C-alpha atoms as a PDB file:
ATOM      1  CA  MET A   1     -14.677  37.564 -29.118  1.00  0.00           C
ATOM      2  CA  LYS A   2     -17.323  34.822 -28.799  1.00  0.00           C
ATOM      3  CA  THR A   3     -16.252  33.272 -32.077  1.00  0.00           C
ATOM      4  CA  GLN A   4     -12.623  33.139 -30.903  1.00  0.00           C
ATOM      5  CA  ILE A   5     -13.646  31.381 -27.683  1.00  0.00           C
ATOM      6  CA  ARG A   6     -15.788  28.887 -29.600  1.00  0.00           C
ATOM      7  CA  ALA A   7     -12.945  28.200 -32.039  1.00  0.00           C
ATOM      8  CA  LEU A   8     -10.521  27.654 -29.146  1.00  0.00           C
ATOM      9  CA  ALA A   9     -13.031  25.346 -27.396  1.00  0.00           C
ATOM     10  CA  ARG A  10     -13.439  23.281 -30.569  1.00  0.00           C
ATOM     11  CA  ARG A  11      -9.672  22.938 -31.001  1.00  0.00           C
ATOM     12  CA  LEU A  12      -9.152  21.873 -27.368  1.00  0.00           C
ATOM     13  CA  ALA A  13     -12.222  19.629 -27.018  1.00  0.00           C
ATOM     14  CA  LEU A  14     -10.772  16.518 -28.683  1.00  0.00           C
ATOM     15  CA  PRO A  15      -7.345  16.629 -26.958  1.00  0.00           C
ATOM     16  CA  LEU A  16      -8.978  17.238 -23.552  1.00  0.00           C
ATOM     17  CA  LEU A  17     -11.432  14.407 -24.146  1.00  0.00           C
ATOM     18  CA  ALA A  18      -8.557  12.099 -25.106  1.00  0.00           C
ATOM     19  CA  VAL A  19      -6.629  12.986 -21.933  1.00  0.00           C
ATOM     20  CA  ALA A  20      -9.705  12.488 -19.735  1.00  0.00           C
ATOM     21  CA  LEU A  21     -10.490   9.141 -21.356  1.00  0.00           C
ATOM     22  CA  GLY A  22      -6.881   7.995 -20.988  1.00  0.00           C
ATOM     23  CA  CYS A  23      -6.877   8.894 -17.289  1.00  0.00           C
ATOM     24  CA  ALA A  24     -10.172   7.108 -16.709  1.00  0.00           C
ATOM     25  CA  LEU A  25      -9.052   3.935 -18.487  1.00  0.00           C
ATOM     26  CA  GLY A  26      -5.663   3.986 -16.803  1.00  0.00           C
ATOM     27  CA  CYS A  27      -7.133   4.270 -13.324  1.00  0.00           C
ATOM     28  CA  ALA A  28      -9.977   1.807 -13.906  1.00  0.00           C
ATOM     29  CA  GLY A  29      -7.746  -1.255 -13.717  1.00  0.00           C
ATOM     30  CA  TYR A  30      -5.687  -0.087 -10.752  1.00  0.00           C
ATOM     31  CA  LYS A  31      -6.352  -1.637  -7.392  1.00  0.00           C
ATOM     32  CA  SER A  32      -4.037  -1.340  -4.466  1.00  0.00           C
ATOM     33  CA  PRO A  33      -2.722  -4.757  -3.377  1.00  0.00           C
ATOM     34  CA  GLY A  34      -4.322  -6.151  -0.253  1.00  0.00           C
ATOM     35  CA  VAL A  35      -6.099  -9.068   1.346  1.00  0.00           C
ATOM     36  CA  THR A  36      -9.694  -9.289   2.538  1.00  0.00           C
ATOM     37  CA  PHE A  37     -10.136 -11.224   5.768  1.00  0.00           C
ATOM     38  CA  ASN A  38     -13.567 -12.845   6.094  1.00  0.00           C
ATOM     39  CA  LEU A  39     -14.145 -14.032   9.660  1.00  0.00           C
ATOM     40  CA  VAL A  40     -17.035 -16.494  10.124  1.00  0.00           C
ATOM     41  CA  ASN A  41     -18.310 -17.775  13.482  1.00  0.00           C
ATOM     42  CA  ASP A  42     -19.237 -21.416  12.835  1.00  0.00           C
ATOM     43  CA  SER A  43     -18.826 -22.391  16.501  1.00  0.00           C
ATOM     44  CA  GLY A  44     -22.509 -22.283  17.443  1.00  0.00           C
ATOM     45  CA  ALA A  45     -21.837 -19.826  20.288  1.00  0.00           C
ATOM     46  CA  VAL A  46     -20.732 -16.222  20.824  1.00  0.00           C
ATOM     47  CA  ILE A  47     -16.998 -15.531  20.437  1.00  0.00           C
ATOM     48  CA  HIS A  48     -15.481 -12.529  22.283  1.00  0.00           C
ATOM     49  CA  ASN A  49     -12.350 -10.375  22.212  1.00  0.00           C
ATOM     50  CA  ILE A  50     -11.196 -11.360  18.731  1.00  0.00           C
ATOM     51  CA  GLU A  51      -7.860  -9.939  17.611  1.00  0.00           C
ATOM     52  CA  ILE A  52      -6.426 -10.444  14.126  1.00  0.00           C
ATOM     53  CA  ASP A  53      -2.684  -9.759  13.718  1.00  0.00           C
ATOM     54  CA  PHE A  54      -1.122  -9.527  10.263  1.00  0.00           C
ATOM     55  CA  PRO A  55       2.118  -8.103   8.846  1.00  0.00           C
ATOM     56  CA  GLY A  56       1.641  -4.356   9.092  1.00  0.00           C
ATOM     57  CA  GLY A  57      -1.158  -4.131  11.653  1.00  0.00           C
ATOM     58  CA  SER A  58      -3.944  -5.635  13.674  1.00  0.00           C
ATOM     59  CA  TYR A  59      -7.598  -5.080  14.411  1.00  0.00           C
ATOM     60  CA  GLY A  60     -10.158  -6.323  16.878  1.00  0.00           C
ATOM     61  CA  ILE A  61     -13.787  -7.365  17.012  1.00  0.00           C
ATOM     62  CA  SER A  62     -15.513  -7.201  20.397  1.00  0.00           C
ATOM     63  CA  SER A  63     -17.880 -10.112  19.735  1.00  0.00           C
ATOM     64  CA  LEU A  64     -19.271 -12.267  16.973  1.00  0.00           C
ATOM     65  CA  ARG A  65     -22.568 -14.100  17.426  1.00  0.00           C
ATOM     66  CA  ALA A  66     -23.050 -17.658  16.178  1.00  0.00           C
ATOM     67  CA  GLY A  67     -23.387 -17.630  12.389  1.00  0.00           C
ATOM     68  CA  GLU A  68     -22.288 -14.001  12.103  1.00  0.00           C
ATOM     69  CA  HIS A  69     -19.421 -12.909   9.847  1.00  0.00           C
ATOM     70  CA  ARG A  70     -17.257  -9.820   9.334  1.00  0.00           C
ATOM     71  CA  SER A  71     -15.000  -8.730   6.490  1.00  0.00           C
ATOM     72  CA  ARG A  72     -12.091  -6.339   6.390  1.00  0.00           C
ATOM     73  CA  TRP A  73      -9.642  -5.363   3.655  1.00  0.00           C
ATOM     74  CA  VAL A  74      -6.060  -4.761   4.765  1.00  0.00           C
ATOM     75  CA  ARG A  75      -2.758  -3.914   3.131  1.00  0.00           C
ATOM     76  CA  VAL A  76      -0.128  -6.494   4.032  1.00  0.00           C
ATOM     77  CA  ILE A  77       3.293  -4.980   4.757  1.00  0.00           C
ATOM     78  CA  GLY A  78       6.168  -7.429   5.152  1.00  0.00           C
ATOM     79  CA  SER A  79       6.074 -11.169   5.751  1.00  0.00           C
ATOM     80  CA  ALA A  80       4.729 -12.843   8.885  1.00  0.00           C
ATOM     81  CA  PRO A  81       2.058 -15.304   9.952  1.00  0.00           C
ATOM     82  CA  LEU A  82      -1.609 -14.360  10.206  1.00  0.00           C
ATOM     83  CA  LYS A  83      -2.514 -14.787  13.869  1.00  0.00           C
ATOM     84  CA  ILE A  84      -5.849 -14.826  15.694  1.00  0.00           C
ATOM     85  CA  ASP A  85      -6.619 -14.613  19.417  1.00  0.00           C
ATOM     86  CA  PHE A  86     -10.144 -15.002  20.824  1.00  0.00           C
ATOM     87  CA  VAL A  87     -12.203 -16.039  23.836  1.00  0.00           C
ATOM     88  CA  ASP A  88     -14.880 -18.701  23.381  1.00  0.00           C
ATOM     89  CA  ALA A  89     -18.306 -18.958  25.065  1.00  0.00           C
ATOM     90  CA  GLY A  90     -16.745 -20.945  27.950  1.00  0.00           C
ATOM     91  CA  ASN A  91     -14.411 -17.979  28.647  1.00  0.00           C
ATOM     92  CA  GLN A  92     -11.381 -19.954  27.429  1.00  0.00           C
ATOM     93  CA  SER A  93      -8.655 -18.108  25.467  1.00  0.00           C
ATOM     94  CA  HIS A  94      -7.373 -19.471  22.155  1.00  0.00           C
ATOM     95  CA  THR A  95      -4.489 -18.474  19.883  1.00  0.00           C
ATOM     96  CA  ALA A  96      -3.734 -19.758  16.384  1.00  0.00           C
ATOM     97  CA  ASN A  97      -1.050 -18.999  13.800  1.00  0.00           C
ATOM     98  CA  LEU A  98      -2.876 -19.542  10.528  1.00  0.00           C
ATOM     99  CA  ILE A  99      -0.944 -18.913   7.288  1.00  0.00           C
ATOM    100  CA  GLU A 100       2.101 -16.966   6.124  1.00  0.00           C
ATOM    101  CA  LEU A 101       1.309 -13.592   4.500  1.00  0.00           C
ATOM    102  CA  HIS A 102       3.609 -11.552   2.268  1.00  0.00           C
ATOM    103  CA  ALA A 103       3.664  -7.922   1.134  1.00  0.00           C
ATOM    104  CA  GLY A 104       1.853  -7.168  -2.112  1.00  0.00           C
ATOM    105  CA  GLU A 105      -0.500 -10.152  -1.999  1.00  0.00           C
ATOM    106  CA  ASN A 106      -4.075  -9.952  -3.290  1.00  0.00           C
ATOM    107  CA  GLY A 107      -7.200 -11.976  -2.672  1.00  0.00           C
ATOM    108  CA  SER A 108      -9.080 -13.147   0.369  1.00  0.00           C
ATOM    109  CA  VAL A 109      -8.723 -15.410   3.358  1.00  0.00           C
ATOM    110  CA  VAL A 110     -11.778 -16.955   5.035  1.00  0.00           C
ATOM    111  CA  ILE A 111     -11.243 -17.746   8.720  1.00  0.00           C
ATOM    112  CA  HIS A 112     -13.774 -20.147  10.271  1.00  0.00           C
ATOM    113  CA  LEU A 113     -14.057 -20.175  14.066  1.00  0.00           C
ATOM    114  CA  LEU A 114     -15.209 -23.679  14.983  1.00  0.00           C
ATOM    115  CA  GLU A 115     -16.291 -25.563  18.121  1.00  0.00           C
ATOM    116  CA  ARG A 116     -13.797 -26.195  20.953  1.00  0.00           C
ATOM    117  CA  GLY A 117     -11.539 -23.316  19.868  1.00  0.00           C
ATOM    118  CA  ARG A 118     -10.588 -24.857  16.540  1.00  0.00           C
ATOM    119  CA  VAL A 119      -9.921 -22.632  13.513  1.00  0.00           C
ATOM    120  CA  SER A 120      -9.886 -23.472   9.799  1.00  0.00           C
ATOM    121  CA  VAL A 121      -8.741 -21.310   6.887  1.00  0.00           C
ATOM    122  CA  ASP A 122      -9.750 -21.097   3.225  1.00  0.00           C
ATOM    123  CA  ASP A 123      -6.812 -19.412   1.490  1.00  0.00           C
ATOM    124  CA  LEU A 124      -8.122 -17.691  -1.655  1.00  0.00           C
ATOM    125  CA  ARG A 125      -5.148 -15.446  -2.354  1.00  0.00           C
ATOM    126  CA  LYS A 126      -4.031 -15.024  -5.954  1.00  0.00           C
ATOM    127  CA  ARG A 127      -0.627 -16.451  -6.680  1.00  0.00           C
ATOM    128  CA  ASN A 128       1.687 -14.646  -9.111  1.00  0.00           C
END
């Protein structure tokens, strides 16, 4: 009985190894499409009530100290502008429409919050 099990194991070992290796290699290159937002406070003061709106969702950050940064990966669904709302250290509200986003895009976008409510963007998305 043991010899039959060993013989069966030997016969199945190579095909099972090939299937496992194929699955591992096939999944290794797969990455779901999405964009990483990197938010950087370059204003020199605390920024409050930050809301990022993108096609398919939104998220918020309660506050970001001067020099602090946050990153978040999101899946973009549909086409619409990237929008940010925030309150500066002087308690003044600001809104900015930044760039157009489209479903299936990959890469990153760096959003710099600057003095006097200004915003700049480094668009590092990969173009097909």
